Amino acid sequence: MRAATLPRREPRWTGGLRGGGHPWLLTDEQRGNDAAGVPAWSGGNDVRALVDGRAYLPALAQALAGAGPDDAVLFAGWRADPDELLDDGGPSIGAALAGAATRGAVVRGLLWRSHSELLGYSHRANRDLARAVTAAGGQVLLDHRVRAMGSHHQKFVVRTGLDGGGGPGGAVAFVGGIDTARGRRDGGAHPGDRQTRPFSAVYGPTPAWHDVQLRLRGPAVRDVEAVFRQRWADPARLTRWPWHTVPDRIGGLPRAARPLPATAPPPAPAGTCAVQLLCSYPRRRPAYPFAPRGERSVARGYAKALARACRLVYVEDQYLWSPDVARIFAAALRRAPELRLIAVVPRYVDREGRFDFAASLLGQNSAWRTVVEAGGDRVHLFDLENGAARPVYVHAKVCVVDDVWAAVGSANLNRRSWTHDSELTAAVLDEQLDGREPVDPGGLGDGARAFARELRLALMREHLDRAEGEDADLLDPDRAGPAMRRAAEELDAWHAAGGVGPRPRGRLRSHPRRTGGGTLRRWLTTPVYDLAYDPDGRPWPMRLGRRF
């Protein structure tokens, strides 16, 4: 039976999202947050995928260099190192932001307060960037308005004109998974960033880093700005902990937000893409004014798209380790017998502690058992290495469904990102059709869309060491997975033979199935996993009903 003829059913844990509206995008009602304050979606956008830091960071430098007295620069991040270079010759992110403020631009930033470097986090770096930008006339707040064990994980930058224009090059926003931090400025060959930070030793002295950011032009820029304005205006205290407040006072860090200028009219249409911003916010006390019961539209957006999937779901993700998330993918695989799932993940976790490794295995093994039981050999799981045979850390958060719906953002495929931390993901639906065969891979009359298809092909070509246009066998959903599997098996065999002879083409490796230890170890690890690594930010009725 063709998958296109199957009835469309949504898994019961999505919250029962049904009814009219767009078949791929959430309606306002389906978002589940009446106070969201952003439109369901905005059309007429130009969207470009910037694959890896060496594509994104120079583009960001160019946008910041054009910011002057009639512009605003608004940004949010999880980690930021003020000395991280945006291009080989600079500037650093600290200098670029301070320069924009010195030229008269309104520069405002929200960085997660973070934890101490002794725990592997970035409080000192975030604090130093906040001081540098504030000293230049901007303002950066260290924001800890989160749930216990939570973080602000959104990663976006907006440059917009105070009159709606946006100066040379126009208003622009960048949304995705790339922080302006050490280790991120890596390129397609993945030699790593010369500016390193402490990382798992297995990744070598300059860890290779794969990631994706989107550049948006058009009305969606105003939507990203609205997300920033909501967080900026949150009346809750920046932190409730006195051991945070005292050092801030001593260090002269701002503790209250300055007013933002009035919102300008939205930018004019610039392209063919509809962009829907999907957010995660936990249920917090005191409540977020813009999400009083939290928001889980990232989870709901994925659930709606996967309920329509027929032929191919392509995923890149840093974690992919939550059983709650795996159930949604497994439901799609059971419903559509021709559906394939291709996933690219890191080979190793980014920390080496006793519980880090065990917790990651616990979550990932449970998730992958669920998915493989549903899809069998239709499920393909890979990781990456560079030409020097060093593993590549996959930090991207990407999903493409049937070459129609594409999502890129900060949210990983785990419970933490879908319910507990603040996240921002952009779902993209291009009105422009891609005329290459198969012209309608899902068989539902949606057609293949230019942005989604080219994003998937660009990522596959990078991982297979192929040139642009060398993708005839990757177009067909039934051939793409086997092509990637053959490449991985050839490289696996070359390694197994001791690396004798020419190295096979490509960077794909078959991801190993590791065990998580015995029953006792799982029993000891589960509380750590549930409370610290993959906590749940949903209200209890949703948790018990397995709904988002």
Protein backbone atom coordinates (compact mmCIF):
# COMPACT_ATOMS: atom_id res chain seq x y z
CA MET A 1 0.00 0.00 0.00
CA ARG A 2 1.33 3.45 -0.86
CA ALA A 3 1.95 5.59 2.19
CA ALA A 4 -0.04 8.42 0.59
CA THR A 5 -3.25 6.39 0.89
CA LEU A 6 -2.93 5.83 4.62
CA PRO A 7 -5.24 7.71 6.99
CA ARG A 8 -3.63 10.63 8.79
CA ARG A 9 -3.60 10.12 12.56
CA GLU A 10 -1.81 12.11 15.19
CA PRO A 11 -0.21 10.31 18.15
CA ARG A 12 -2.27 10.75 21.30
CA TRP A 13 0.57 12.40 23.22
CA THR A 14 0.66 15.47 20.91
CA GLY A 15 -2.25 16.98 22.76
CA GLY A 16 -4.87 16.08 20.17
CA LEU A 17 -3.94 18.81 17.70
CA ARG A 18 -6.62 18.64 15.04
CA GLY A 19 -8.88 20.85 13.02
CA GLY A 20 -8.42 23.34 10.20
CA GLY A 21 -5.58 25.62 9.26
CA HIS A 22 -2.39 24.81 7.45
CA PRO A 23 -1.64 21.08 7.04
CA TRP A 24 2.06 21.56 7.96
CA LEU A 25 2.11 24.59 10.26
CA LEU A 26 0.52 25.13 13.67
CA THR A 27 -2.46 27.42 13.97
CA ASP A 28 -2.61 29.94 16.81
CA GLU A 29 -4.87 27.55 18.71
CA GLN A 30 -2.58 24.57 18.13
CA ARG A 31 0.38 26.51 19.55
CA GLY A 32 -1.26 26.09 22.94
CA ASN A 33 -0.25 29.51 24.27
CA ASP A 34 -2.82 32.30 24.01
CA ALA A 35 -0.26 34.85 25.21
CA ALA A 36 2.40 33.99 22.61
CA GLY A 37 2.36 37.42 20.96
CA VAL A 38 3.83 36.28 17.64
CA PRO A 39 1.82 35.45 14.51
CA ALA A 40 1.13 31.84 13.60
CA TRP A 41 3.57 32.34 10.72
CA SER A 42 4.84 35.04 8.38
CA GLY A 43 5.08 34.66 4.62
CA GLY A 44 7.28 36.32 2.03
CA ASN A 45 10.67 35.62 3.61
CA ASP A 46 14.07 34.93 2.13
CA VAL A 47 15.68 32.10 4.10
CA ARG A 48 19.26 30.91 3.67
CA ALA A 49 20.87 28.01 5.54
CA LEU A 50 24.39 28.82 6.75
CA VAL A 51 26.03 25.45 7.31
CA ASP A 52 28.81 25.50 9.93
CA GLY A 53 30.31 28.43 11.79
CA ARG A 54 32.55 29.57 8.96
CA ALA A 55 29.43 30.33 6.93
CA TYR A 56 27.45 31.95 9.75
CA LEU A 57 29.95 34.01 11.75
CA PRO A 58 31.34 36.10 8.83
CA ALA A 59 27.73 36.83 7.77
CA LEU A 60 27.02 37.97 11.31
CA ALA A 61 30.14 40.16 11.27
CA GLN A 62 28.93 41.83 8.08
CA ALA A 63 25.50 42.50 9.56
CA LEU A 64 26.98 44.00 12.72
CA ALA A 65 29.46 46.13 10.78
CA GLY A 66 26.53 47.82 9.02
CA ALA A 67 24.72 48.75 12.24
CA GLY A 68 24.66 52.47 13.05
CA PRO A 69 22.57 55.19 14.76
CA ASP A 70 19.31 54.16 13.07
CA ASP A 71 19.64 50.46 13.92
CA ALA A 72 19.01 48.09 16.78
CA VAL A 73 20.99 44.91 17.45
CA LEU A 74 19.18 42.45 19.71
CA PHE A 75 20.62 39.05 20.60
CA ALA A 76 20.15 36.08 22.90
CA GLY A 77 22.54 33.24 23.63
CA TRP A 78 23.47 30.34 25.87
CA ARG A 79 27.21 30.96 25.71
CA ALA A 80 29.33 33.80 24.31
CA ASP A 81 33.09 34.28 24.42
CA PRO A 82 33.99 37.94 23.83
CA ASP A 83 37.27 37.05 22.09
CA GLU A 84 35.78 34.55 19.60
CA LEU A 85 36.71 35.77 16.10
CA LEU A 86 33.92 36.06 13.56
CA ASP A 87 36.36 35.76 10.66
CA ASP A 88 40.06 34.96 10.22
CA GLY A 89 41.05 38.61 10.49
CA GLY A 90 38.46 39.46 13.11
CA PRO A 91 36.62 41.21 14.56
CA SER A 92 35.80 39.34 17.74
CA ILE A 93 32.15 39.15 18.73
CA GLY A 94 32.86 41.44 21.67
CA ALA A 95 34.49 44.06 19.43
CA ALA A 96 31.74 43.79 16.81
CA LEU A 97 28.95 44.36 19.33
CA ALA A 98 30.82 47.10 21.17
CA GLY A 99 31.60 48.75 17.83
CA ALA A 100 27.92 48.82 16.89
CA ALA A 101 27.07 50.40 20.25
CA THR A 102 29.87 52.98 19.88
CA ARG A 103 28.48 53.96 16.45
CA GLY A 104 25.13 54.71 18.07
CA ALA A 105 23.19 51.51 17.46
CA VAL A 106 20.86 50.30 20.20
CA VAL A 107 22.58 47.09 21.34
CA ARG A 108 20.76 44.85 23.80
CA GLY A 109 21.53 41.26 24.73
CA LEU A 110 20.27 38.43 26.91
CA LEU A 111 22.77 35.77 27.93
CA TRP A 112 22.01 32.88 30.22
CA ARG A 113 23.76 33.53 33.52
CA SER A 114 25.25 30.01 33.32
CA HIS A 115 27.16 28.05 35.93
CA SER A 116 30.79 28.14 36.97
CA GLU A 117 33.64 27.10 34.70
CA LEU A 118 34.50 24.52 37.37
CA LEU A 119 31.39 22.65 36.21
CA GLY A 120 32.26 23.05 32.53
CA TYR A 121 30.03 26.08 31.92
CA SER A 122 30.59 29.68 30.84
CA HIS A 123 29.60 32.19 33.52
CA ARG A 124 32.89 34.09 33.30
CA ALA A 125 32.80 34.42 29.51
CA ASN A 126 29.15 35.55 29.48
CA ARG A 127 29.87 38.05 32.25
CA ASP A 128 32.90 39.45 30.40
CA LEU A 129 30.91 40.00 27.20
CA ALA A 130 28.14 41.70 29.19
CA ARG A 131 30.66 44.07 30.77
CA ALA A 132 32.35 44.91 27.45
CA VAL A 133 29.13 45.70 25.57
CA THR A 134 27.61 47.61 28.46
CA ALA A 135 30.76 49.70 28.82
CA ALA A 136 30.47 50.66 25.14
CA GLY A 137 26.94 51.98 25.59
CA GLY A 138 24.86 48.86 25.01
CA GLN A 139 23.33 46.62 27.64
CA VAL A 140 23.62 42.87 28.14
CA LEU A 141 21.74 41.16 30.95
CA LEU A 142 22.74 37.87 32.55
CA ASP A 143 19.35 36.21 32.56
CA HIS A 144 18.55 33.45 35.06
CA ARG A 145 14.76 33.71 34.91
CA VAL A 146 14.43 29.95 34.47
CA ARG A 147 13.22 26.85 36.29
CA ALA A 148 15.55 25.10 38.70
CA MET A 149 18.17 23.17 36.68
CA GLY A 150 17.11 25.12 33.59
CA SER A 151 18.76 27.46 31.12
CA HIS A 152 18.06 29.98 28.39
CA HIS A 153 19.18 28.10 25.31
CA GLN A 154 17.87 30.33 22.51
CA LYS A 155 20.53 31.49 20.01
CA PHE A 156 19.52 34.36 17.74
CA VAL A 157 20.61 37.81 16.57
CA VAL A 158 18.42 40.52 15.03
CA ARG A 159 19.65 43.66 13.29
CA THR A 160 16.76 45.91 12.40
CA GLY A 161 16.21 49.54 11.53
CA LEU A 162 14.41 51.66 14.07
CA ASP A 163 12.33 52.92 11.12
CA GLY A 164 11.78 49.41 9.74
CA GLY A 165 14.60 49.62 7.19
CA GLY A 166 17.67 48.14 8.79
CA GLY A 167 20.47 50.13 7.20
CA PRO A 168 22.73 48.75 4.45
CA GLY A 169 21.57 45.26 3.50
CA GLY A 170 18.20 45.62 5.25
CA ALA A 171 16.82 44.07 8.42
CA VAL A 172 18.13 40.57 9.09
CA ALA A 173 17.81 37.86 11.73
CA PHE A 174 19.91 34.78 12.41
CA VAL A 175 18.27 31.80 14.17
CA GLY A 176 19.69 28.35 14.83
CA GLY A 177 22.06 26.33 16.97
CA ILE A 178 25.31 28.32 16.78
CA ASP A 179 26.47 30.38 19.75
CA THR A 180 29.06 33.13 19.35
CA ALA A 181 31.48 31.08 21.39
CA ARG A 182 34.87 29.42 21.19
CA GLY A 183 35.00 26.25 19.13
CA ARG A 184 32.16 27.20 16.78
CA ARG A 185 34.11 28.68 13.84
CA ASP A 186 34.63 25.45 11.93
CA GLY A 187 34.07 24.83 8.22
CA GLY A 188 32.89 22.10 5.88
CA ALA A 189 36.16 20.13 6.01
CA HIS A 190 35.93 20.27 9.84
CA PRO A 191 39.51 20.93 10.93
CA GLY A 192 38.07 22.59 14.05
CA ASP A 193 38.27 26.11 15.43
CA ARG A 194 41.72 27.30 16.46
CA GLN A 195 40.07 29.08 19.39
CA THR A 196 39.25 26.10 21.56
CA ARG A 197 37.56 25.49 24.87
CA PRO A 198 37.71 22.53 27.28
CA PHE A 199 36.03 19.57 25.66
CA SER A 200 36.00 15.80 25.68
CA ALA A 201 39.56 14.66 24.90
CA VAL A 202 38.37 12.13 22.32
CA TYR A 203 37.62 15.03 19.95
CA GLY A 204 41.26 16.13 19.88
CA PRO A 205 43.00 19.47 20.49
CA THR A 206 40.77 21.45 18.08
CA PRO A 207 37.38 19.73 18.20
CA ALA A 208 35.56 19.57 14.87
CA TRP A 209 32.12 21.16 15.14
CA HIS A 210 29.13 20.80 12.79
CA ASP A 211 26.18 23.16 13.11
CA VAL A 212 23.54 25.14 11.17
CA GLN A 213 22.11 28.65 11.43
CA LEU A 214 19.42 30.34 9.31
CA ARG A 215 19.57 33.86 7.89
CA LEU A 216 16.12 35.41 7.63
CA ARG A 217 15.06 38.49 5.67
CA GLY A 218 11.48 39.71 5.45
CA PRO A 219 8.54 39.91 7.89
CA ALA A 220 9.84 37.03 10.04
CA VAL A 221 12.64 39.33 11.26
CA ARG A 222 10.00 41.25 13.21
CA ASP A 223 8.73 37.98 14.70
CA VAL A 224 12.21 37.14 16.02
CA GLU A 225 12.44 40.67 17.41
CA ALA A 226 9.12 40.10 19.20
CA VAL A 227 10.56 37.03 20.94
CA PHE A 228 13.44 39.15 22.22
CA ARG A 229 11.17 41.97 23.36
CA GLN A 230 9.01 39.55 25.35
CA ARG A 231 11.95 38.18 27.26
CA TRP A 232 13.50 41.63 27.73
CA ALA A 233 10.27 42.95 29.31
CA ASP A 234 9.85 39.99 31.70
CA PRO A 235 9.27 41.72 35.08
CA ALA A 236 10.73 38.87 37.15
CA ARG A 237 14.08 39.44 38.85
CA LEU A 238 17.07 38.42 36.72
CA THR A 239 18.00 35.94 39.43
CA ARG A 240 16.47 34.90 42.73
CA TRP A 241 19.78 33.78 44.27
CA PRO A 242 21.77 36.22 46.49
CA TRP A 243 25.10 34.63 45.53
CA HIS A 244 24.37 35.91 42.02
CA THR A 245 23.22 39.38 43.06
CA VAL A 246 26.19 40.36 45.20
CA PRO A 247 28.88 39.68 42.53
CA ASP A 248 26.76 41.57 39.98
CA ARG A 249 26.69 44.63 42.20
CA ILE A 250 30.42 44.43 42.84
CA GLY A 251 31.15 43.98 39.13
CA GLY A 252 28.86 46.77 38.01
CA LEU A 253 26.67 44.53 35.87
CA PRO A 254 23.22 45.88 35.00
CA ARG A 255 20.39 44.46 37.07
CA ALA A 256 17.43 46.14 35.34
CA ALA A 257 16.60 46.42 31.66
CA ARG A 258 16.64 49.77 29.92
CA PRO A 259 13.59 50.56 27.78
CA LEU A 260 13.70 49.46 24.16
CA PRO A 261 12.80 51.84 21.32
CA ALA A 262 9.35 51.54 19.79
CA THR A 263 8.76 48.70 17.39
CA ALA A 264 9.10 49.73 13.74
CA PRO A 265 6.88 48.44 10.91
CA PRO A 266 7.78 44.92 9.73
CA PRO A 267 10.23 44.58 6.84
CA ALA A 268 8.78 44.21 3.36
CA PRO A 269 8.43 40.74 1.80
CA ALA A 270 11.76 39.47 0.50
CA GLY A 271 11.25 35.89 -0.67
CA THR A 272 9.04 32.84 -1.01
CA CYS A 273 9.23 31.19 2.42
CA ALA A 274 6.70 31.03 5.23
CA VAL A 275 8.47 30.98 8.60
CA GLN A 276 6.84 29.78 11.80
CA LEU A 277 8.67 30.46 15.05
CA LEU A 278 8.36 27.58 17.51
CA CYS A 279 9.25 28.10 21.17
CA SER A 280 9.78 26.14 24.34
CA TYR A 281 9.19 27.74 27.73
CA PRO A 282 8.57 25.81 30.96
CA ARG A 283 5.79 26.45 33.40
CA ARG A 284 7.63 28.79 35.78
CA ARG A 285 6.91 30.61 39.02
CA PRO A 286 6.56 33.54 38.68
CA ALA A 287 4.96 32.85 35.30
CA TYR A 288 6.35 34.18 32.05
CA PRO A 289 3.87 36.90 30.96
CA PHE A 290 4.18 35.65 27.37
CA ALA A 291 3.78 31.96 28.35
CA PRO A 292 1.90 31.80 31.67
CA ARG A 293 1.45 28.02 31.42
CA GLY A 294 4.63 27.51 29.44
CA GLU A 295 4.84 26.85 25.73
CA ARG A 296 5.68 23.64 23.90
CA SER A 297 5.18 24.66 20.27
CA VAL A 298 8.52 23.09 19.28
CA ALA A 299 7.14 19.70 20.34
CA ARG A 300 3.76 20.41 18.77
CA GLY A 301 5.27 21.62 15.51
CA TYR A 302 7.35 18.45 15.20
CA ALA A 303 4.35 16.29 16.08
CA LYS A 304 2.17 17.90 13.41
CA ALA A 305 4.84 17.58 10.71
CA LEU A 306 5.68 13.97 11.63
CA ALA A 307 1.98 13.05 11.58
CA ARG A 308 2.11 13.92 7.85
CA ALA A 309 5.45 12.22 7.05
CA CYS A 310 5.33 9.51 4.37
CA ARG A 311 8.75 8.86 2.84
CA LEU A 312 11.77 10.46 4.52
CA VAL A 313 12.61 12.21 7.78
CA TYR A 314 16.18 13.54 7.89
CA VAL A 315 17.50 14.60 11.30
CA GLU A 316 20.71 16.05 12.68
CA ASP A 317 20.76 16.43 16.44
CA GLN A 318 23.14 16.80 19.35
CA TYR A 319 21.27 14.40 21.61
CA LEU A 320 18.23 12.55 20.24
CA TRP A 321 17.96 10.74 23.53
CA SER A 322 14.50 11.21 25.04
CA PRO A 323 11.89 8.42 25.06
CA ASP A 324 9.14 11.08 25.00
CA VAL A 325 10.50 12.38 21.70
CA ALA A 326 11.23 8.90 20.31
CA ARG A 327 7.59 7.88 20.68
CA ILE A 328 6.52 10.55 18.19
CA PHE A 329 9.07 9.40 15.61
CA ALA A 330 8.14 5.76 16.23
CA ALA A 331 4.45 6.52 15.71
CA ALA A 332 5.26 8.02 12.30
CA LEU A 333 7.30 4.95 11.32
CA ARG A 334 4.51 2.58 12.33
CA ARG A 335 1.86 4.57 10.52
CA ALA A 336 3.74 4.93 7.22
CA PRO A 337 5.40 1.65 6.13
CA GLU A 338 7.50 3.35 3.43
CA LEU A 339 8.86 6.04 5.76
CA ARG A 340 12.62 6.11 6.39
CA LEU A 341 14.42 7.91 9.20
CA ILE A 342 18.02 9.08 8.69
CA ALA A 343 19.71 10.60 11.75
CA VAL A 344 23.20 12.06 12.21
CA VAL A 345 24.40 12.45 15.82
CA PRO A 346 27.74 12.85 17.67
CA ARG A 347 29.76 9.69 18.24
CA TYR A 348 30.65 10.70 21.82
CA VAL A 349 29.06 12.90 24.46
CA ASP A 350 30.78 16.20 25.19
CA ARG A 351 31.69 15.40 28.79
CA GLU A 352 33.51 12.53 30.39
CA GLY A 353 32.11 12.38 33.92
CA ARG A 354 30.88 9.16 35.50
CA PHE A 355 27.23 10.17 35.16
CA ASP A 356 27.49 12.22 31.93
CA PHE A 357 28.33 9.18 29.84
CA ALA A 358 25.94 6.84 31.64
CA ALA A 359 23.03 9.31 31.48
CA SER A 360 23.51 9.91 27.75
CA LEU A 361 23.56 6.18 27.07
CA LEU A 362 20.46 5.64 29.18
CA GLY A 363 18.45 8.20 27.24
CA GLN A 364 19.78 7.47 23.77
CA ASN A 365 19.58 3.68 24.04
CA SER A 366 16.02 3.82 25.29
CA ALA A 367 15.04 6.25 22.54
CA TRP A 368 16.71 4.26 19.81
CA ARG A 369 15.22 0.96 20.92
CA THR A 370 11.81 2.57 20.55
CA VAL A 371 12.56 3.94 17.07
CA VAL A 372 14.27 0.80 15.72
CA GLU A 373 11.49 -1.44 17.00
CA ALA A 374 9.07 0.70 14.99
CA GLY A 375 11.12 1.12 11.80
CA GLY A 376 13.62 -1.75 11.63
CA ASP A 377 16.01 -1.38 8.72
CA ARG A 378 14.22 1.77 7.61
CA VAL A 379 16.10 3.55 10.41
CA HIS A 380 19.66 4.73 9.65
CA LEU A 381 21.87 6.15 12.43
CA PHE A 382 25.23 7.76 11.64
CA ASP A 383 27.94 9.90 13.14
CA LEU A 384 30.76 11.85 11.48
CA GLU A 385 34.54 12.10 11.32
CA ASN A 386 36.84 14.46 9.44
CA GLY A 387 39.59 13.60 6.96
CA ALA A 388 42.04 13.04 9.82
CA ALA A 389 39.67 10.40 11.28
CA ARG A 390 38.81 12.58 14.27
CA PRO A 391 35.14 12.52 15.30
CA VAL A 392 33.04 15.57 14.43
CA TYR A 393 30.79 16.90 17.18
CA VAL A 394 27.29 17.25 15.70
CA HIS A 395 25.68 20.22 17.43
CA ALA A 396 23.07 20.91 14.71
CA LYS A 397 19.34 20.76 15.41
CA VAL A 398 17.79 20.11 11.98
CA CYS A 399 14.80 18.17 10.71
CA VAL A 400 13.50 17.86 7.13
CA VAL A 401 10.26 15.97 6.46
CA ASP A 402 9.50 14.72 2.92
CA ASP A 403 11.46 17.64 1.44
CA VAL A 404 8.56 19.93 2.42
CA TRP A 405 8.83 21.04 6.06
CA ALA A 406 12.21 22.02 7.47
CA ALA A 407 13.11 23.09 11.01
CA VAL A 408 16.37 24.61 12.26
CA GLY A 409 16.87 26.05 15.71
CA SER A 410 18.27 25.73 19.21
CA ALA A 411 15.98 22.93 20.40
CA ASN A 412 17.41 19.44 20.60
CA LEU A 413 15.32 16.31 20.30
CA ASN A 414 15.03 15.72 24.02
CA ARG A 415 12.56 16.42 26.79
CA ARG A 416 14.65 19.26 28.22
CA SER A 417 14.51 21.22 24.96
CA TRP A 418 10.84 20.46 24.33
CA THR A 419 9.57 21.38 27.82
CA HIS A 420 12.12 22.80 30.26
CA ASP A 421 14.56 25.34 28.76
CA SER A 422 13.86 28.36 26.59
CA GLU A 423 14.29 27.44 22.92
CA LEU A 424 13.63 28.99 19.51
CA THR A 425 13.27 26.99 16.29
CA ALA A 426 12.23 28.26 12.86
CA ALA A 427 10.02 25.98 10.77
CA VAL A 428 10.27 26.85 7.07
CA LEU A 429 7.82 26.07 4.28
CA ASP A 430 8.91 27.35 0.88
CA GLU A 431 6.23 28.25 -1.68
CA GLN A 432 8.75 27.56 -4.45
CA LEU A 433 8.56 24.00 -5.75
CA ASP A 434 11.60 21.92 -6.65
CA GLY A 435 10.97 20.36 -10.06
CA ARG A 436 13.45 17.49 -9.80
CA GLU A 437 12.14 13.95 -9.54
CA PRO A 438 10.50 12.84 -7.39
CA VAL A 439 8.45 16.02 -7.62
CA ASP A 440 6.08 14.93 -4.82
CA PRO A 441 7.96 12.45 -2.60
CA GLY A 442 5.26 12.32 0.07
CA GLY A 443 2.52 11.63 -2.45
CA LEU A 444 0.11 14.03 -0.72
CA GLY A 445 0.16 16.74 -3.38
CA ASP A 446 2.50 19.01 -1.40
CA GLY A 447 5.35 18.77 -3.90
CA ALA A 448 9.02 18.97 -2.94
CA ARG A 449 9.87 22.48 -1.73
CA ALA A 450 13.05 24.23 -2.81
CA PHE A 451 14.37 25.24 0.63
CA ALA A 452 13.75 21.95 2.43
CA ARG A 453 15.13 19.80 -0.36
CA GLU A 454 18.25 21.86 -0.88
CA LEU A 455 18.97 21.98 2.86
CA ARG A 456 18.81 18.19 3.07
CA LEU A 457 20.94 17.70 -0.03
CA ALA A 458 23.54 20.26 1.07
CA LEU A 459 23.99 18.47 4.40
CA MET A 460 24.16 15.03 2.80
CA ARG A 461 26.70 16.24 0.23
CA GLU A 462 28.92 17.65 2.98
CA HIS A 463 28.86 14.37 4.87
CA LEU A 464 29.56 12.35 1.71
CA ASP A 465 32.34 14.69 0.46
CA ARG A 466 30.41 15.45 -2.71
CA ALA A 467 30.37 18.54 -4.90
CA GLU A 468 27.29 20.68 -5.46
CA GLY A 469 24.93 18.93 -7.85
CA GLU A 470 26.42 15.50 -7.20
CA ASP A 471 23.26 14.20 -5.63
CA ALA A 472 21.15 12.35 -8.22
CA ASP A 473 20.98 9.24 -6.00
CA LEU A 474 20.12 11.34 -2.94
CA LEU A 475 16.98 12.90 -4.40
CA ASP A 476 14.92 9.73 -4.13
CA PRO A 477 13.98 9.00 -0.48
CA ASP A 478 14.34 5.27 -1.10
CA ARG A 479 17.91 5.63 -2.38
CA ALA A 480 19.30 8.31 -0.06
CA GLY A 481 19.44 6.14 3.08
CA PRO A 482 21.10 3.16 1.36
CA ALA A 483 23.62 5.49 -0.33
CA MET A 484 24.63 6.93 3.03
CA ARG A 485 24.73 3.47 4.62
CA ARG A 486 27.04 2.14 1.89
CA ALA A 487 29.41 5.07 2.40
CA ALA A 488 29.46 4.49 6.16
CA GLU A 489 30.04 0.75 5.77
CA GLU A 490 32.96 1.35 3.40
CA LEU A 491 34.61 3.73 5.86
CA ASP A 492 33.90 1.37 8.76
CA ALA A 493 35.53 -1.49 6.84
CA TRP A 494 38.58 0.64 6.02
CA HIS A 495 39.06 1.40 9.73
CA ALA A 496 38.53 -2.25 10.65
CA ALA A 497 41.29 -3.21 8.21
CA GLY A 498 43.72 -0.85 9.91
CA GLY A 499 43.39 2.01 7.43
CA VAL A 500 45.24 0.17 4.68
CA GLY A 501 44.86 1.57 1.18
CA PRO A 502 43.06 4.69 -0.03
CA ARG A 503 40.60 6.12 2.44
CA PRO A 504 37.02 5.80 1.15
CA ARG A 505 35.20 8.98 0.28
CA GLY A 506 32.99 10.63 2.86
CA ARG A 507 32.83 11.24 6.63
CA LEU A 508 29.90 9.03 7.65
CA ARG A 509 30.36 6.26 10.22
CA SER A 510 27.80 3.77 11.48
CA HIS A 511 26.87 4.89 14.97
CA PRO A 512 27.78 2.22 17.53
CA ARG A 513 25.12 0.65 19.70
CA ARG A 514 26.59 0.95 23.18
CA THR A 515 25.18 -0.60 26.31
CA GLY A 516 24.35 1.48 29.34
CA GLY A 517 25.60 -0.96 31.94
CA GLY A 518 23.71 -3.35 34.16
CA THR A 519 20.47 -2.99 36.08
CA LEU A 520 22.14 -1.43 39.15
CA ARG A 521 23.89 1.22 37.09
CA ARG A 522 20.66 2.09 35.26
CA TRP A 523 18.88 2.32 38.61
CA LEU A 524 21.53 4.74 39.90
CA THR A 525 21.61 6.79 36.72
CA THR A 526 17.89 7.24 36.08
CA PRO A 527 17.29 9.88 38.81
CA VAL A 528 20.28 11.90 37.54
CA TYR A 529 18.96 11.65 33.99
CA ASP A 530 15.42 12.70 34.92
CA LEU A 531 16.35 15.54 37.27
CA ALA A 532 19.50 17.03 35.70
CA TYR A 533 20.04 15.89 32.11
CA ASP A 534 16.54 15.65 30.68
CA PRO A 535 14.17 17.30 33.16
CA ASP A 536 10.48 17.87 32.45
CA GLY A 537 9.01 21.38 32.50
CA ARG A 538 5.40 20.38 31.79
CA PRO A 539 2.50 20.69 34.23
CA TRP A 540 1.80 17.37 35.93
CA PRO A 541 -1.44 16.58 34.01
CA MET A 542 0.53 16.82 30.76
CA ARG A 543 3.34 14.67 32.10
CA LEU A 544 0.96 11.97 33.27
CA GLY A 545 -0.99 12.07 30.02
CA ARG A 546 2.23 12.09 27.93
CA ARG A 547 1.00 15.22 26.16
CA PHE A 548 2.81 18.34 25.00
